[in-house]
PDB file of N, CA and C in Angstrom:
ATOM      1  N   UNK A   1       6.687  29.613 -38.515  1.00  0.00           N
ATOM      2  CA  UNK A   1       6.443  28.242 -38.152  1.00  0.00           C
ATOM      3  C   UNK A   1       6.632  28.091 -36.634  1.00  0.00           C
ATOM      4  N   UNK A   2       5.707  27.418 -36.001  1.00  0.00           N
ATOM      5  CA  UNK A   2       5.748  27.165 -34.556  1.00  0.00           C
ATOM      6  C   UNK A   2       6.429  25.831 -34.312  1.00  0.00           C
ATOM      7  N   UNK A   3       7.441  25.860 -33.477  1.00  0.00           N
ATOM      8  CA  UNK A   3       8.164  24.637 -33.173  1.00  0.00           C
ATOM      9  C   UNK A   3       7.850  24.229 -31.732  1.00  0.00           C
ATOM     10  N   UNK A   4       7.344  23.025 -31.564  1.00  0.00           N
ATOM     11  CA  UNK A   4       7.005  22.513 -30.232  1.00  0.00           C
ATOM     12  C   UNK A   4       8.122  21.584 -29.795  1.00  0.00           C
ATOM     13  N   UNK A   5       8.708  21.911 -28.661  1.00  0.00           N
ATOM     14  CA  UNK A   5       9.771  21.072 -28.122  1.00  0.00           C
ATOM     15  C   UNK A   5       9.236  20.249 -26.966  1.00  0.00           C
ATOM     16  N   UNK A   6       9.796  19.084 -26.801  1.00  0.00           N
ATOM     17  CA  UNK A   6       9.408  18.250 -25.675  1.00  0.00           C
ATOM     18  C   UNK A   6       8.331  17.238 -25.999  1.00  0.00           C
ATOM     19  N   UNK A   7       7.753  17.318 -27.204  1.00  0.00           N
ATOM     20  CA  UNK A   7       6.680  16.388 -27.555  1.00  0.00           C
ATOM     21  C   UNK A   7       7.190  14.951 -27.597  1.00  0.00           C
ATOM     22  N   UNK A   8       8.395  14.751 -28.104  1.00  0.00           N
ATOM     23  CA  UNK A   8       8.948  13.397 -28.157  1.00  0.00           C
ATOM     24  C   UNK A   8       9.141  12.833 -26.747  1.00  0.00           C
ATOM     25  N   UNK A   9       9.632  13.663 -25.846  1.00  0.00           N
ATOM     26  CA  UNK A   9       9.812  13.217 -24.465  1.00  0.00           C
ATOM     27  C   UNK A   9       8.457  12.887 -23.842  1.00  0.00           C
ATOM     28  N   UNK A  10       7.464  13.719 -24.089  1.00  0.00           N
ATOM     29  CA  UNK A  10       6.124  13.475 -23.570  1.00  0.00           C
ATOM     30  C   UNK A  10       5.576  12.150 -24.096  1.00  0.00           C
ATOM     31  N   UNK A  11       5.758  11.896 -25.384  1.00  0.00           N
ATOM     32  CA  UNK A  11       5.272  10.647 -25.973  1.00  0.00           C
ATOM     33  C   UNK A  11       5.995   9.446 -25.364  1.00  0.00           C
ATOM     34  N   UNK A  12       7.301   9.594 -25.148  1.00  0.00           N
ATOM     35  CA  UNK A  12       8.083   8.517 -24.532  1.00  0.00           C
ATOM     36  C   UNK A  12       7.608   8.264 -23.102  1.00  0.00           C
ATOM     37  N   UNK A  13       7.390   9.347 -22.348  1.00  0.00           N
ATOM     38  CA  UNK A  13       6.906   9.220 -20.975  1.00  0.00           C
ATOM     39  C   UNK A  13       5.520   8.578 -20.937  1.00  0.00           C
ATOM     40  N   UNK A  14       4.673   8.945 -21.874  1.00  0.00           N
ATOM     41  CA  UNK A  14       3.329   8.386 -21.945  1.00  0.00           C
ATOM     42  C   UNK A  14       3.376   6.891 -22.261  1.00  0.00           C
ATOM     43  N   UNK A  15       4.255   6.517 -23.170  1.00  0.00           N
ATOM     44  CA  UNK A  15       4.411   5.095 -23.521  1.00  0.00           C
ATOM     45  C   UNK A  15       4.939   4.320 -22.315  1.00  0.00           C
ATOM     46  N   UNK A  16       5.891   4.895 -21.594  1.00  0.00           N
ATOM     47  CA  UNK A  16       6.443   4.273 -20.392  1.00  0.00           C
ATOM     48  C   UNK A  16       5.351   4.068 -19.339  1.00  0.00           C
ATOM     49  N   UNK A  17       4.513   5.081 -19.153  1.00  0.00           N
ATOM     50  CA  UNK A  17       3.402   4.987 -18.205  1.00  0.00           C
ATOM     51  C   UNK A  17       2.424   3.883 -18.625  1.00  0.00           C
ATOM     52  N   UNK A  18       2.119   3.799 -19.912  1.00  0.00           N
ATOM     53  CA  UNK A  18       1.218   2.759 -20.419  1.00  0.00           C
ATOM     54  C   UNK A  18       1.808   1.373 -20.167  1.00  0.00           C
ATOM     55  N   UNK A  19       3.113   1.226 -20.350  1.00  0.00           N
ATOM     56  CA  UNK A  19       3.761  -0.067 -20.090  1.00  0.00           C
ATOM     57  C   UNK A  19       3.687  -0.439 -18.610  1.00  0.00           C
ATOM     58  N   UNK A  20       3.907   0.528 -17.745  1.00  0.00           N
ATOM     59  CA  UNK A  20       3.812   0.280 -16.302  1.00  0.00           C
ATOM     60  C   UNK A  20       2.389  -0.097 -15.915  1.00  0.00           C
ATOM     61  N   UNK A  21       1.414   0.588 -16.491  1.00  0.00           N
ATOM     62  CA  UNK A  21       0.010   0.283 -16.206  1.00  0.00           C
ATOM     63  C   UNK A  21      -0.330  -1.123 -16.685  1.00  0.00           C
ATOM     64  N   UNK A  22       0.175  -1.502 -17.836  1.00  0.00           N
ATOM     65  CA  UNK A  22      -0.070  -2.848 -18.364  1.00  0.00           C
ATOM     66  C   UNK A  22       0.519  -3.900 -17.427  1.00  0.00           C
ATOM     67  N   UNK A  23       1.701  -3.620 -16.875  1.00  0.00           N
ATOM     68  CA  UNK A  23       2.335  -4.543 -15.936  1.00  0.00           C
ATOM     69  C   UNK A  23       1.504  -4.730 -14.666  1.00  0.00           C
ATOM     70  N   UNK A  24       0.740  -3.709 -14.313  1.00  0.00           N
ATOM     71  CA  UNK A  24      -0.080  -3.774 -13.103  1.00  0.00           C
ATOM     72  C   UNK A  24      -1.454  -4.396 -13.340  1.00  0.00           C
ATOM     73  N   UNK A  25      -1.804  -4.626 -14.587  1.00  0.00           N
ATOM     74  CA  UNK A  25      -3.109  -5.190 -14.910  1.00  0.00           C
ATOM     75  C   UNK A  25      -3.240  -6.579 -14.303  1.00  0.00           C
ATOM     76  N   UNK A  26      -4.427  -6.900 -13.838  1.00  0.00           N
ATOM     77  CA  UNK A  26      -4.674  -8.226 -13.274  1.00  0.00           C
ATOM     78  C   UNK A  26      -4.451  -8.263 -11.778  1.00  0.00           C
ATOM     79  N   UNK A  27      -4.338  -9.456 -11.259  1.00  0.00           N
ATOM     80  CA  UNK A  27      -4.162  -9.665  -9.819  1.00  0.00           C
ATOM     81  C   UNK A  27      -2.689  -9.727  -9.460  1.00  0.00           C
ATOM     82  N   UNK A  28      -2.391  -9.258  -8.269  1.00  0.00           N
ATOM     83  CA  UNK A  28      -1.013  -9.288  -7.773  1.00  0.00           C
ATOM     84  C   UNK A  28      -1.019  -9.720  -6.315  1.00  0.00           C
ATOM     85  N   UNK A  29      -0.065 -10.523  -5.951  1.00  0.00           N
ATOM     86  CA  UNK A  29       0.143 -10.892  -4.556  1.00  0.00           C
ATOM     87  C   UNK A  29       1.271 -10.006  -4.038  1.00  0.00           C
ATOM     88  N   UNK A  30       0.932  -9.094  -3.178  1.00  0.00           N
ATOM     89  CA  UNK A  30       1.917  -8.157  -2.641  1.00  0.00           C
ATOM     90  C   UNK A  30       2.206  -8.565  -1.201  1.00  0.00           C
ATOM     91  N   UNK A  31       3.462  -8.859  -0.880  1.00  0.00           N
ATOM     92  CA  UNK A  31       3.777  -9.188   0.514  1.00  0.00           C
ATOM     93  C   UNK A  31       3.339  -8.053   1.439  1.00  0.00           C
ATOM     94  N   UNK A  32       2.780  -8.419   2.573  1.00  0.00           N
ATOM     95  CA  UNK A  32       2.257  -7.436   3.520  1.00  0.00           C
ATOM     96  C   UNK A  32       3.325  -6.417   3.917  1.00  0.00           C
ATOM     97  N   UNK A  33       4.588  -6.865   4.059  1.00  0.00           N
ATOM     98  CA  UNK A  33       5.656  -5.943   4.436  1.00  0.00           C
ATOM     99  C   UNK A  33       5.941  -4.925   3.331  1.00  0.00           C
ATOM    100  N   UNK A  34       5.654  -5.275   2.075  1.00  0.00           N
ATOM    101  CA  UNK A  34       5.834  -4.312   0.982  1.00  0.00           C
ATOM    102  C   UNK A  34       4.678  -3.324   0.940  1.00  0.00           C
ATOM    103  N   UNK A  35       3.492  -3.815   1.184  1.00  0.00           N
ATOM    104  CA  UNK A  35       2.298  -2.968   1.161  1.00  0.00           C
ATOM    105  C   UNK A  35       2.294  -2.021   2.361  1.00  0.00           C
ATOM    106  N   UNK A  36       2.519  -2.593   3.531  1.00  0.00           N
ATOM    107  CA  UNK A  36       2.554  -1.802   4.763  1.00  0.00           C
ATOM    108  C   UNK A  36       4.012  -1.585   5.152  1.00  0.00           C
ATOM    109  N   UNK A  37       4.707  -0.862   4.293  1.00  0.00           N
ATOM    110  CA  UNK A  37       6.133  -0.628   4.517  1.00  0.00           C
ATOM    111  C   UNK A  37       6.350   0.440   5.587  1.00  0.00           C
ATOM    112  N   UNK A  38       7.595   0.580   5.972  1.00  0.00           N
ATOM    113  CA  UNK A  38       7.966   1.519   7.041  1.00  0.00           C
ATOM    114  C   UNK A  38       7.490   2.945   6.750  1.00  0.00           C
ATOM    115  N   UNK A  39       7.658   3.412   5.527  1.00  0.00           N
ATOM    116  CA  UNK A  39       7.245   4.767   5.168  1.00  0.00           C
ATOM    117  C   UNK A  39       5.743   4.950   5.374  1.00  0.00           C
ATOM    118  N   UNK A  40       4.950   3.995   4.882  1.00  0.00           N
ATOM    119  CA  UNK A  40       3.499   4.071   5.038  1.00  0.00           C
ATOM    120  C   UNK A  40       3.121   4.061   6.513  1.00  0.00           C
ATOM    121  N   UNK A  41       3.659   3.099   7.261  1.00  0.00           N
ATOM    122  CA  UNK A  41       3.281   2.965   8.670  1.00  0.00           C
ATOM    123  C   UNK A  41       3.679   4.180   9.495  1.00  0.00           C
ATOM    124  N   UNK A  42       4.849   4.734   9.226  1.00  0.00           N
ATOM    125  CA  UNK A  42       5.276   5.915   9.979  1.00  0.00           C
ATOM    126  C   UNK A  42       4.406   7.125   9.672  1.00  0.00           C
ATOM    127  N   UNK A  43       3.902   7.190   8.457  1.00  0.00           N
ATOM    128  CA  UNK A  43       3.073   8.333   8.071  1.00  0.00           C
ATOM    129  C   UNK A  43       1.628   8.193   8.567  1.00  0.00           C
ATOM    130  N   UNK A  44       1.082   6.990   8.525  1.00  0.00           N
ATOM    131  CA  UNK A  44      -0.351   6.810   8.768  1.00  0.00           C
ATOM    132  C   UNK A  44      -0.712   6.113  10.070  1.00  0.00           C
ATOM    133  N   UNK A  45       0.285   5.648  10.831  1.00  0.00           N
ATOM    134  CA  UNK A  45      -0.035   4.950  12.085  1.00  0.00           C
ATOM    135  C   UNK A  45       0.900   5.406  13.195  1.00  0.00           C
ATOM    136  N   UNK A  46       0.695   4.836  14.356  1.00  0.00           N
ATOM    137  CA  UNK A  46       1.571   5.107  15.488  1.00  0.00           C
ATOM    138  C   UNK A  46       2.567   3.969  15.711  1.00  0.00           C
ATOM    139  N   UNK A  47       2.814   3.176  14.677  1.00  0.00           N
ATOM    140  CA  UNK A  47       3.862   2.157  14.713  1.00  0.00           C
ATOM    141  C   UNK A  47       4.806   2.432  13.555  1.00  0.00           C
ATOM    142  N   UNK A  48       6.017   1.879  13.650  1.00  0.00           N
ATOM    143  CA  UNK A  48       7.001   2.215  12.616  1.00  0.00           C
ATOM    144  C   UNK A  48       7.412   1.037  11.743  1.00  0.00           C
ATOM    145  N   UNK A  49       6.850  -0.144  12.002  1.00  0.00           N
ATOM    146  CA  UNK A  49       7.183  -1.295  11.162  1.00  0.00           C
ATOM    147  C   UNK A  49       6.046  -2.306  11.217  1.00  0.00           C
ATOM    148  N   UNK A  50       6.035  -3.192  10.245  1.00  0.00           N
ATOM    149  CA  UNK A  50       5.005  -4.235  10.237  1.00  0.00           C
ATOM    150  C   UNK A  50       5.176  -5.147  11.450  1.00  0.00           C
ATOM    151  N   UNK A  51       6.417  -5.426  11.815  1.00  0.00           N
ATOM    152  CA  UNK A  51       6.677  -6.252  13.001  1.00  0.00           C
ATOM    153  C   UNK A  51       6.081  -5.601  14.240  1.00  0.00           C
ATOM    154  N   UNK A  52       6.281  -4.312  14.382  1.00  0.00           N
ATOM    155  CA  UNK A  52       5.733  -3.594  15.537  1.00  0.00           C
ATOM    156  C   UNK A  52       4.202  -3.585  15.485  1.00  0.00           C
ATOM    157  N   UNK A  53       3.647  -3.427  14.310  1.00  0.00           N
ATOM    158  CA  UNK A  53       2.184  -3.459  14.141  1.00  0.00           C
ATOM    159  C   UNK A  53       1.622  -4.755  14.703  1.00  0.00           C
ATOM    160  N   UNK A  54       2.231  -5.856  14.347  1.00  0.00           N
ATOM    161  CA  UNK A  54       1.764  -7.166  14.792  1.00  0.00           C
ATOM    162  C   UNK A  54       2.023  -7.356  16.284  1.00  0.00           C
ATOM    163  N   UNK A  55       3.227  -7.025  16.737  1.00  0.00           N
ATOM    164  CA  UNK A  55       3.588  -7.232  18.141  1.00  0.00           C
ATOM    165  C   UNK A  55       2.700  -6.441  19.086  1.00  0.00           C
ATOM    166  N   UNK A  56       2.392  -5.194  18.737  1.00  0.00           N
ATOM    167  CA  UNK A  56       1.576  -4.348  19.616  1.00  0.00           C
ATOM    168  C   UNK A  56       0.095  -4.704  19.587  1.00  0.00           C
ATOM    169  N   UNK A  57      -0.286  -5.550  18.646  1.00  0.00           N
ATOM    170  CA  UNK A  57      -1.709  -5.894  18.507  1.00  0.00           C
ATOM    171  C   UNK A  57      -2.229  -6.713  19.673  1.00  0.00           C
ATOM    172  N   UNK A  58      -1.336  -7.473  20.319  1.00  0.00           N
ATOM    173  CA  UNK A  58      -1.781  -8.345  21.396  1.00  0.00           C
ATOM    174  C   UNK A  58      -2.289  -9.692  20.888  1.00  0.00           C
ATOM    175  N   UNK A  59      -2.288  -9.889  19.590  1.00  0.00           N
ATOM    176  CA  UNK A  59      -2.709 -11.158  19.002  1.00  0.00           C
ATOM    177  C   UNK A  59      -1.468 -11.964  18.627  1.00  0.00           C
ATOM    178  N   UNK A  60      -1.609 -13.274  18.644  1.00  0.00           N
ATOM    179  CA  UNK A  60      -0.498 -14.155  18.281  1.00  0.00           C
ATOM    180  C   UNK A  60      -0.491 -14.335  16.771  1.00  0.00           C
ATOM    181  N   UNK A  61       0.200 -13.418  16.085  1.00  0.00           N
ATOM    182  CA  UNK A  61       0.234 -13.424  14.623  1.00  0.00           C
ATOM    183  C   UNK A  61       1.664 -13.687  14.166  1.00  0.00           C
ATOM    184  N   UNK A  62       1.854 -14.857  13.572  1.00  0.00           N
ATOM    185  CA  UNK A  62       3.172 -15.218  13.050  1.00  0.00           C
ATOM    186  C   UNK A  62       3.103 -15.532  11.554  1.00  0.00           C
ATOM    187  N   UNK A  63       1.890 -15.504  11.006  1.00  0.00           N
ATOM    188  CA  UNK A  63       1.710 -15.800   9.575  1.00  0.00           C
ATOM    189  C   UNK A  63       0.448 -15.102   9.088  1.00  0.00           C
ATOM    190  N   UNK A  64       0.262 -15.107   7.763  1.00  0.00           N
ATOM    191  CA  UNK A  64      -0.966 -14.521   7.218  1.00  0.00           C
ATOM    192  C   UNK A  64      -2.186 -15.301   7.684  1.00  0.00           C
ATOM    193  N   UNK A  65      -2.042 -16.611   7.830  1.00  0.00           N
ATOM    194  CA  UNK A  65      -3.151 -17.430   8.322  1.00  0.00           C
ATOM    195  C   UNK A  65      -3.539 -17.000   9.731  1.00  0.00           C
ATOM    196  N   UNK A  66      -2.536 -16.725  10.579  1.00  0.00           N
ATOM    197  CA  UNK A  66      -2.822 -16.241  11.938  1.00  0.00           C
ATOM    198  C   UNK A  66      -3.566 -14.915  11.888  1.00  0.00           C
ATOM    199  N   UNK A  67      -3.133 -14.048  10.992  1.00  0.00           N
ATOM    200  CA  UNK A  67      -3.780 -12.739  10.859  1.00  0.00           C
ATOM    201  C   UNK A  67      -5.224 -12.896  10.415  1.00  0.00           C
ATOM    202  N   UNK A  68      -5.468 -13.791   9.477  1.00  0.00           N
ATOM    203  CA  UNK A  68      -6.833 -14.027   9.003  1.00  0.00           C
ATOM    204  C   UNK A  68      -7.718 -14.632  10.086  1.00  0.00           C
ATOM    205  N   UNK A  69      -7.094 -15.316  11.062  1.00  0.00           N
ATOM    206  CA  UNK A  69      -7.854 -15.953  12.139  1.00  0.00           C
ATOM    207  C   UNK A  69      -8.298 -14.966  13.219  1.00  0.00           C
ATOM    208  N   UNK A  70      -7.690 -13.786  13.254  1.00  0.00           N
ATOM    209  CA  UNK A  70      -8.085 -12.773  14.238  1.00  0.00           C
ATOM    210  C   UNK A  70      -9.474 -12.271  13.864  1.00  0.00           C
ATOM    211  N   UNK A  71     -10.391 -12.203  14.833  1.00  0.00           N
ATOM    212  CA  UNK A  71     -11.739 -11.701  14.529  1.00  0.00           C
ATOM    213  C   UNK A  71     -11.684 -10.288  13.927  1.00  0.00           C
ATOM    214  N   UNK A  72     -12.448 -10.091  12.864  1.00  0.00           N
ATOM    215  CA  UNK A  72     -12.439  -8.806  12.156  1.00  0.00           C
ATOM    216  C   UNK A  72     -12.716  -7.621  13.076  1.00  0.00           C
ATOM    217  N   UNK A  73     -13.717  -7.750  13.933  1.00  0.00           N
ATOM    218  CA  UNK A  73     -14.068  -6.632  14.821  1.00  0.00           C
ATOM    219  C   UNK A  73     -12.905  -6.257  15.739  1.00  0.00           C
ATOM    220  N   UNK A  74     -12.227  -7.260  16.261  1.00  0.00           N
ATOM    221  CA  UNK A  74     -11.111  -7.003  17.169  1.00  0.00           C
ATOM    222  C   UNK A  74      -9.942  -6.361  16.418  1.00  0.00           C
ATOM    223  N   UNK A  75      -9.648  -6.856  15.227  1.00  0.00           N
ATOM    224  CA  UNK A  75      -8.531  -6.290  14.455  1.00  0.00           C
ATOM    225  C   UNK A  75      -8.865  -4.866  14.000  1.00  0.00           C
ATOM    226  N   UNK A  76     -10.098  -4.655  13.553  1.00  0.00           N
ATOM    227  CA  UNK A  76     -10.522  -3.306  13.150  1.00  0.00           C
ATOM    228  C   UNK A  76     -10.413  -2.327  14.316  1.00  0.00           C
ATOM    229  N   UNK A  77     -10.784  -2.773  15.502  1.00  0.00           N
ATOM    230  CA  UNK A  77     -10.682  -1.927  16.686  1.00  0.00           C
ATOM    231  C   UNK A  77      -9.221  -1.566  16.957  1.00  0.00           C
ATOM    232  N   UNK A  78      -8.338  -2.528  16.823  1.00  0.00           N
ATOM    233  CA  UNK A  78      -6.908  -2.274  16.996  1.00  0.00           C
ATOM    234  C   UNK A  78      -6.411  -1.264  15.966  1.00  0.00           C
ATOM    235  N   UNK A  79      -6.783  -1.446  14.707  1.00  0.00           N
ATOM    236  CA  UNK A  79      -6.355  -0.531  13.643  1.00  0.00           C
ATOM    237  C   UNK A  79      -6.840   0.888  13.943  1.00  0.00           C
ATOM    238  N   UNK A  80      -8.085   1.027  14.417  1.00  0.00           N
ATOM    239  CA  UNK A  80      -8.595   2.356  14.794  1.00  0.00           C
ATOM    240  C   UNK A  80      -7.766   2.964  15.923  1.00  0.00           C
ATOM    241  N   UNK A  81      -7.267   2.111  16.832  1.00  0.00           N
ATOM    242  CA  UNK A  81      -6.531   2.617  17.994  1.00  0.00           C
ATOM    243  C   UNK A  81      -5.129   3.114  17.639  1.00  0.00           C
ATOM    244  N   UNK A  82      -4.573   2.665  16.508  1.00  0.00           N
ATOM    245  CA  UNK A  82      -3.210   3.067  16.148  1.00  0.00           C
ATOM    246  C   UNK A  82      -3.151   3.951  14.902  1.00  0.00           C
ATOM    247  N   UNK A  83      -4.320   4.256  14.338  1.00  0.00           N
ATOM    248  CA  UNK A  83      -4.343   5.047  13.101  1.00  0.00           C
ATOM    249  C   UNK A  83      -5.633   5.845  13.022  1.00  0.00           C
ATOM    250  N   UNK A  84      -5.771   6.587  11.940  1.00  0.00           N
ATOM    251  CA  UNK A  84      -7.029   7.305  11.703  1.00  0.00           C
ATOM    252  C   UNK A  84      -7.954   6.517  10.777  1.00  0.00           C
ATOM    253  N   UNK A  85      -7.544   5.312  10.400  1.00  0.00           N
ATOM    254  CA  UNK A  85      -8.376   4.488   9.534  1.00  0.00           C
ATOM    255  C   UNK A  85      -9.525   3.876  10.332  1.00  0.00           C
ATOM    256  N   UNK A  86     -10.713   3.805   9.726  1.00  0.00           N
ATOM    257  CA  UNK A  86     -11.852   3.234  10.446  1.00  0.00           C
ATOM    258  C   UNK A  86     -11.783   1.713  10.567  1.00  0.00           C
ATOM    259  N   UNK A  87     -10.974   1.072   9.703  1.00  0.00           N
ATOM    260  CA  UNK A  87     -10.868  -0.389   9.751  1.00  0.00           C
ATOM    261  C   UNK A  87      -9.680  -0.856   8.912  1.00  0.00           C
ATOM    262  N   UNK A  88      -9.422  -2.149   8.985  1.00  0.00           N
ATOM    263  CA  UNK A  88      -8.309  -2.785   8.275  1.00  0.00           C
ATOM    264  C   UNK A  88      -8.441  -2.625   6.762  1.00  0.00           C
ATOM    265  N   UNK A  89      -9.652  -2.816   6.241  1.00  0.00           N
ATOM    266  CA  UNK A  89      -9.854  -2.700   4.798  1.00  0.00           C
ATOM    267  C   UNK A  89      -9.499  -1.306   4.287  1.00  0.00           C
ATOM    268  N   UNK A  90      -9.864  -0.281   5.034  1.00  0.00           N
ATOM    269  CA  UNK A  90      -9.553   1.095   4.627  1.00  0.00           C
ATOM    270  C   UNK A  90      -8.045   1.326   4.634  1.00  0.00           C
ATOM    271  N   UNK A  91      -7.373   0.764   5.616  1.00  0.00           N
ATOM    272  CA  UNK A  91      -5.926   0.915   5.695  1.00  0.00           C
ATOM    273  C   UNK A  91      -5.254   0.200   4.521  1.00  0.00           C
ATOM    274  N   UNK A  92      -5.689  -1.023   4.224  1.00  0.00           N
ATOM    275  CA  UNK A  92      -5.123  -1.766   3.100  1.00  0.00           C
ATOM    276  C   UNK A  92      -5.427  -1.080   1.774  1.00  0.00           C
ATOM    277  N   UNK A  93      -6.606  -0.506   1.662  1.00  0.00           N
ATOM    278  CA  UNK A  93      -6.986   0.195   0.442  1.00  0.00           C
ATOM    279  C   UNK A  93      -6.055   1.383   0.186  1.00  0.00           C
ATOM    280  N   UNK A  94      -5.789   2.165   1.213  1.00  0.00           N
ATOM    281  CA  UNK A  94      -4.890   3.310   1.082  1.00  0.00           C
ATOM    282  C   UNK A  94      -3.475   2.843   0.755  1.00  0.00           C
ATOM    283  N   UNK A  95      -3.028   1.798   1.426  1.00  0.00           N
ATOM    284  CA  UNK A  95      -1.689   1.266   1.160  1.00  0.00           C
ATOM    285  C   UNK A  95      -1.592   0.761  -0.282  1.00  0.00           C
ATOM    286  N   UNK A  96      -2.642   0.103  -0.762  1.00  0.00           N
ATOM    287  CA  UNK A  96      -2.671  -0.381  -2.140  1.00  0.00           C
ATOM    288  C   UNK A  96      -2.648   0.753  -3.140  1.00  0.00           C
ATOM    289  N   UNK A  97      -3.396   1.781  -2.848  1.00  0.00           N
ATOM    290  CA  UNK A  97      -3.428   2.971  -3.712  1.00  0.00           C
ATOM    291  C   UNK A  97      -2.033   3.585  -3.828  1.00  0.00           C
ATOM    292  N   UNK A  98      -1.343   3.706  -2.713  1.00  0.00           N
ATOM    293  CA  UNK A  98      -0.003   4.287  -2.718  1.00  0.00           C
ATOM    294  C   UNK A  98       1.009   3.366  -3.403  1.00  0.00           C
ATOM    295  N   UNK A  99       0.841   2.049  -3.253  1.00  0.00           N
ATOM    296  CA  UNK A  99       1.720   1.088  -3.910  1.00  0.00           C
ATOM    297  C   UNK A  99       1.595   1.213  -5.426  1.00  0.00           C
ATOM    298  N   UNK A 100       0.355   1.295  -5.917  1.00  0.00           N
ATOM    299  CA  UNK A 100       0.123   1.439  -7.355  1.00  0.00           C
ATOM    300  C   UNK A 100       0.699   2.753  -7.869  1.00  0.00           C
ATOM    301  N   UNK A 101       0.465   3.821  -7.123  1.00  0.00           N
ATOM    302  CA  UNK A 101       0.975   5.135  -7.504  1.00  0.00           C
ATOM    303  C   UNK A 101       2.497   5.105  -7.642  1.00  0.00           C
ATOM    304  N   UNK A 102       3.148   4.444  -6.686  1.00  0.00           N
ATOM    305  CA  UNK A 102       4.611   4.336  -6.726  1.00  0.00           C
ATOM    306  C   UNK A 102       5.058   3.502  -7.928  1.00  0.00           C
ATOM    307  N   UNK A 103       4.380   2.394  -8.179  1.00  0.00           N
ATOM    308  CA  UNK A 103       4.739   1.526  -9.305  1.00  0.00           C
ATOM    309  C   UNK A 103       4.557   2.248 -10.650  1.00  0.00           C
ATOM    310  N   UNK A 104       3.598   3.155 -10.709  1.00  0.00           N
ATOM    311  CA  UNK A 104       3.386   3.922 -11.933  1.00  0.00           C
ATOM    312  C   UNK A 104       4.403   5.049 -12.093  1.00  0.00           C
ATOM    313  N   UNK A 105       5.152   5.306 -11.041  1.00  0.00           N
ATOM    314  CA  UNK A 105       6.206   6.325 -11.136  1.00  0.00           C
ATOM    315  C   UNK A 105       5.783   7.711 -10.724  1.00  0.00           C
ATOM    316  N   UNK A 106       4.714   7.819  -9.985  1.00  0.00           N
ATOM    317  CA  UNK A 106       4.256   9.140  -9.527  1.00  0.00           C
ATOM    318  C   UNK A 106       4.767   9.433  -8.134  1.00  0.00           C
TER     319      UNK A 106
END
């Protein structure tokens, strides 16, 4: 008789992963500082914090509304100058991907 060990743990881990995925279903409002956290910024940009990202931009950004008011072309150009991302959307996409991966426990 062949005895398989670890199957119960695998099933438990799979159920846990399914629960985490269910929690992520739908829309989420993620604070910018959580999405563009220190670890992400230090790895993918030449700034080390969200505060520094905003301060070095040269734009007067004190709120999300201020950030949305910055012309897309100008902000994208700034993002290219401090990272390897071609634009803001690409940077946010990567940050979102990593946020989801972390929430799933990977």
